[in-house]
Amino acid sequence: MKIYLIRHGETTGDLENRYGGDYDDSLTEEGLKQAEQLAEELKDLGIEVIYSSPLTRARLTTSKLCDKHRCKVVTLPGVKERNFYGILTGMTKEEAFQKHADIVHLLEDRNNTLPGGDSYGDFSSRVEEAWDQITDPTYETAAVVTHAGPIRCIFRDILGKGELGKIGDCSYVYLSDESGDWEIMSAKGVQLQ
């Protein structure tokens, strides 16, 4: 099986310097262009199904991919971004420091759970359940349009491939298990460590 793990395009929250997580922002004009360029780049890969996060930024990226692939789309809540930021979600970083300076420091460790947020354990379990569905052998080639958090979780917790560096807008990692183990075949816009 071949899987393309894809991060959505640039968002309005990126430009506004907001804490995102499961904040449901949209793509910018640049984000839409990035998604169109990615769709063109991946158009001849035979993608049969796209598993998409239900968040708007992922759904819009998926829509652009579908313009080129004409494949099945499955909305998969398990690959939605973690609500890591809890009560800070959707705030600009400046607002968060003004209103909740006492908890902003908790963001330094992914294992911390902010008030109103998801624990890392719950998030990781959700992503693992989604991975089991994604890797069902029904399809030979699949794409997953998701967020940086689930991609990191898949690499670290499920595949045991360690940490990733920066994961850019509309970046992707191509994985294959043809050898019996998941291998990284290529990556674009993702800093592998």
Protein backbone atom coordinates (compact mmCIF):
# COMPACT_ATOMS: atom_id res chain seq x y z
CA MET A 1 0.00 0.00 0.00
CA LYS A 2 1.06 3.58 -0.69
CA ILE A 3 -0.03 6.47 1.53
CA TYR A 4 0.52 10.19 1.07
CA LEU A 5 0.28 12.08 4.38
CA ILE A 6 -0.58 15.67 3.42
CA ARG A 7 -0.80 18.79 5.55
CA HIS A 8 -3.40 21.38 4.51
CA GLY A 9 -2.49 24.72 2.92
CA GLU A 10 -1.83 28.08 4.56
CA THR A 11 -4.64 29.24 6.84
CA THR A 12 -6.10 32.52 8.00
CA GLY A 13 -5.06 31.58 11.54
CA ASP A 14 -1.44 31.26 10.37
CA LEU A 15 -1.47 34.84 9.12
CA GLU A 16 -3.22 36.11 12.24
CA ASN A 17 -0.74 34.30 14.54
CA ARG A 18 -3.52 32.37 16.31
CA TYR A 19 -3.35 29.22 18.37
CA GLY A 20 -4.96 26.74 16.02
CA GLY A 21 -5.43 23.15 17.04
CA ASP A 22 -9.03 22.25 16.32
CA TYR A 23 -9.91 25.91 15.64
CA ASP A 24 -11.83 25.74 12.35
CA ASP A 25 -10.20 28.37 10.16
CA SER A 26 -10.14 28.54 6.38
CA LEU A 27 -7.45 28.59 3.73
CA THR A 28 -6.03 31.88 2.52
CA GLU A 29 -5.80 32.65 -1.20
CA GLU A 30 -2.21 31.43 -0.98
CA GLY A 31 -3.39 28.24 0.74
CA LEU A 32 -5.84 27.57 -2.10
CA LYS A 33 -3.03 28.10 -4.65
CA GLN A 34 -0.78 25.72 -2.69
CA ALA A 35 -3.53 23.08 -2.75
CA GLU A 36 -4.01 23.53 -6.52
CA GLN A 37 -0.25 23.18 -7.10
CA LEU A 38 -0.12 20.06 -4.93
CA ALA A 39 -3.07 18.54 -6.81
CA GLU A 40 -1.27 19.12 -10.10
CA GLU A 41 1.95 17.61 -8.73
CA LEU A 42 0.21 14.45 -7.46
CA LYS A 43 -2.31 14.03 -10.30
CA ASP A 44 -0.73 10.95 -11.91
CA LEU A 45 -0.20 8.87 -8.76
CA GLY A 46 -3.41 6.85 -8.92
CA ILE A 47 -4.83 7.99 -5.59
CA GLU A 48 -8.02 5.99 -5.06
CA VAL A 49 -9.28 7.49 -1.81
CA ILE A 50 -8.63 10.61 0.23
CA TYR A 51 -9.18 10.47 3.98
CA SER A 52 -9.81 14.02 5.16
CA SER A 53 -10.01 15.75 8.49
CA PRO A 54 -13.44 17.35 8.92
CA LEU A 55 -11.92 20.79 9.56
CA THR A 56 -12.48 23.39 6.83
CA ARG A 57 -8.80 23.90 5.98
CA ALA A 58 -8.38 20.17 5.29
CA ARG A 59 -11.69 19.86 3.41
CA LEU A 60 -10.74 22.75 1.10
CA THR A 61 -7.35 21.17 0.41
CA THR A 62 -9.09 17.84 -0.26
CA SER A 63 -11.49 19.53 -2.67
CA LYS A 64 -8.59 20.83 -4.78
CA LEU A 65 -7.03 17.35 -4.85
CA CYS A 66 -10.35 15.84 -5.93
CA ASP A 67 -10.47 18.21 -8.90
CA LYS A 68 -7.50 16.23 -10.32
CA HIS A 69 -8.09 12.76 -8.88
CA ARG A 70 -11.84 12.16 -9.04
CA CYS A 71 -11.54 9.69 -6.21
CA LYS A 72 -13.56 8.67 -3.21
CA VAL A 73 -13.42 11.00 -0.18
CA VAL A 74 -13.89 9.75 3.37
CA THR A 75 -14.22 12.33 6.13
CA LEU A 76 -12.32 10.85 9.05
CA PRO A 77 -12.65 12.64 12.42
CA GLY A 78 -9.73 10.60 13.76
CA VAL A 79 -7.25 12.69 11.73
CA LYS A 80 -8.60 16.01 13.03
CA GLU A 81 -6.02 18.16 14.78
CA ARG A 82 -5.65 17.84 18.54
CA ASN A 83 -7.33 20.45 20.70
CA PHE A 84 -3.97 21.06 22.36
CA TYR A 85 -4.57 24.73 23.09
CA GLY A 86 -7.81 24.28 25.07
CA ILE A 87 -9.11 27.64 26.25
CA LEU A 88 -6.42 29.40 24.17
CA THR A 89 -7.77 27.95 20.90
CA GLY A 90 -8.53 30.65 18.34
CA MET A 91 -6.85 33.42 20.34
CA THR A 92 -3.94 35.34 18.92
CA LYS A 93 -0.76 34.61 20.81
CA GLU A 94 -0.83 38.17 22.15
CA GLU A 95 -4.39 37.73 23.47
CA ALA A 96 -3.43 34.44 25.10
CA PHE A 97 -0.49 36.04 26.94
CA GLN A 98 -2.72 38.89 28.13
CA LYS A 99 -5.60 36.69 29.33
CA HIS A 100 -3.88 33.46 30.39
CA ALA A 101 -0.19 34.16 31.00
CA ASP A 102 -0.30 31.62 33.84
CA ILE A 103 -0.92 28.65 31.51
CA VAL A 104 0.83 29.59 28.23
CA HIS A 105 4.04 27.96 29.50
CA LEU A 106 2.23 24.58 29.55
CA LEU A 107 2.41 24.58 25.73
CA GLU A 108 6.11 23.69 25.95
CA ASP A 109 5.30 20.00 26.58
CA ARG A 110 2.88 18.07 24.34
CA ASN A 111 1.99 15.83 27.29
CA ASN A 112 0.39 18.73 29.19
CA THR A 113 -3.38 19.13 28.93
CA LEU A 114 -4.67 22.70 29.02
CA PRO A 115 -8.12 23.46 30.45
CA GLY A 116 -10.67 22.53 27.78
CA GLY A 117 -8.09 20.64 25.72
CA ASP A 118 -7.50 17.03 24.67
CA SER A 119 -4.96 14.91 26.51
CA TYR A 120 -2.11 13.60 24.37
CA GLY A 121 -3.10 10.02 25.21
CA ASP A 122 -6.67 10.50 23.96
CA PHE A 123 -5.41 12.24 20.82
CA SER A 124 -2.85 9.51 20.08
CA SER A 125 -5.46 6.77 20.56
CA ARG A 126 -7.84 8.56 18.18
CA VAL A 127 -5.15 8.88 15.50
CA GLU A 128 -4.16 5.23 15.93
CA GLU A 129 -7.77 4.10 15.39
CA ALA A 130 -7.91 6.24 12.24
CA TRP A 131 -4.60 4.76 11.01
CA ASP A 132 -6.10 1.28 11.30
CA GLN A 133 -8.94 2.39 9.01
CA ILE A 134 -6.58 4.13 6.57
CA THR A 135 -4.34 1.07 6.25
CA ASP A 136 -7.21 -1.32 5.55
CA PRO A 137 -6.12 -3.13 2.37
CA THR A 138 -9.21 -2.07 0.39
CA TYR A 139 -7.16 0.55 -1.49
CA GLU A 140 -3.69 0.36 -3.00
CA THR A 141 -3.01 4.12 -2.96
CA ALA A 142 -4.49 6.57 -0.46
CA ALA A 143 -3.97 10.15 0.62
CA VAL A 144 -4.65 11.57 4.07
CA VAL A 145 -5.30 15.31 4.24
CA THR A 146 -4.71 16.27 7.82
CA HIS A 147 -2.69 18.53 10.12
CA ALA A 148 0.83 18.65 11.57
CA GLY A 149 -0.23 17.08 14.90
CA PRO A 150 -1.64 13.83 13.46
CA ILE A 151 1.30 13.52 11.03
CA ARG A 152 3.75 13.83 13.95
CA CYS A 153 1.71 11.34 15.98
CA ILE A 154 1.73 8.80 13.13
CA PHE A 155 5.51 9.11 12.75
CA ARG A 156 6.34 9.05 16.45
CA ASP A 157 3.74 6.80 18.07
CA ILE A 158 2.49 4.49 15.33
CA LEU A 159 5.40 4.01 12.92
CA GLY A 160 8.18 4.55 15.46
CA LYS A 161 10.06 6.80 13.02
CA GLY A 162 10.88 9.48 15.61
CA GLU A 163 10.31 13.21 15.57
CA LEU A 164 9.73 15.41 12.55
CA GLY A 165 10.99 18.95 12.17
CA LYS A 166 8.99 21.62 10.36
CA ILE A 167 5.93 20.46 8.41
CA GLY A 168 5.15 23.13 5.81
CA ASP A 169 1.88 24.10 4.19
CA CYS A 170 0.69 21.52 1.62
CA SER A 171 3.72 19.38 2.39
CA TYR A 172 3.58 15.61 2.18
CA VAL A 173 5.33 12.37 3.05
CA TYR A 174 4.98 9.36 0.77
CA LEU A 175 4.99 6.04 2.67
CA SER A 176 4.97 2.49 1.32
CA ASP A 177 4.68 -0.86 3.07
CA GLU A 178 5.58 -2.98 0.02
CA SER A 179 8.58 -4.39 1.88
CA GLY A 180 6.36 -5.43 4.80
CA ASP A 181 7.31 -2.42 6.93
CA TRP A 182 6.32 1.21 6.47
CA GLU A 183 9.15 3.06 4.71
CA ILE A 184 9.54 6.72 3.84
CA MET A 185 9.84 6.83 0.06
CA SER A 186 9.96 10.61 -0.33
CA ALA A 187 8.94 13.85 1.31
CA LYS A 188 8.33 17.42 0.22
CA GLY A 189 8.20 20.33 2.65
CA VAL A 190 8.67 18.06 5.67
CA GLN A 191 11.89 18.16 7.66
CA LEU A 192 12.79 14.53 8.40
CA GLN A 193 15.15 14.01 11.33
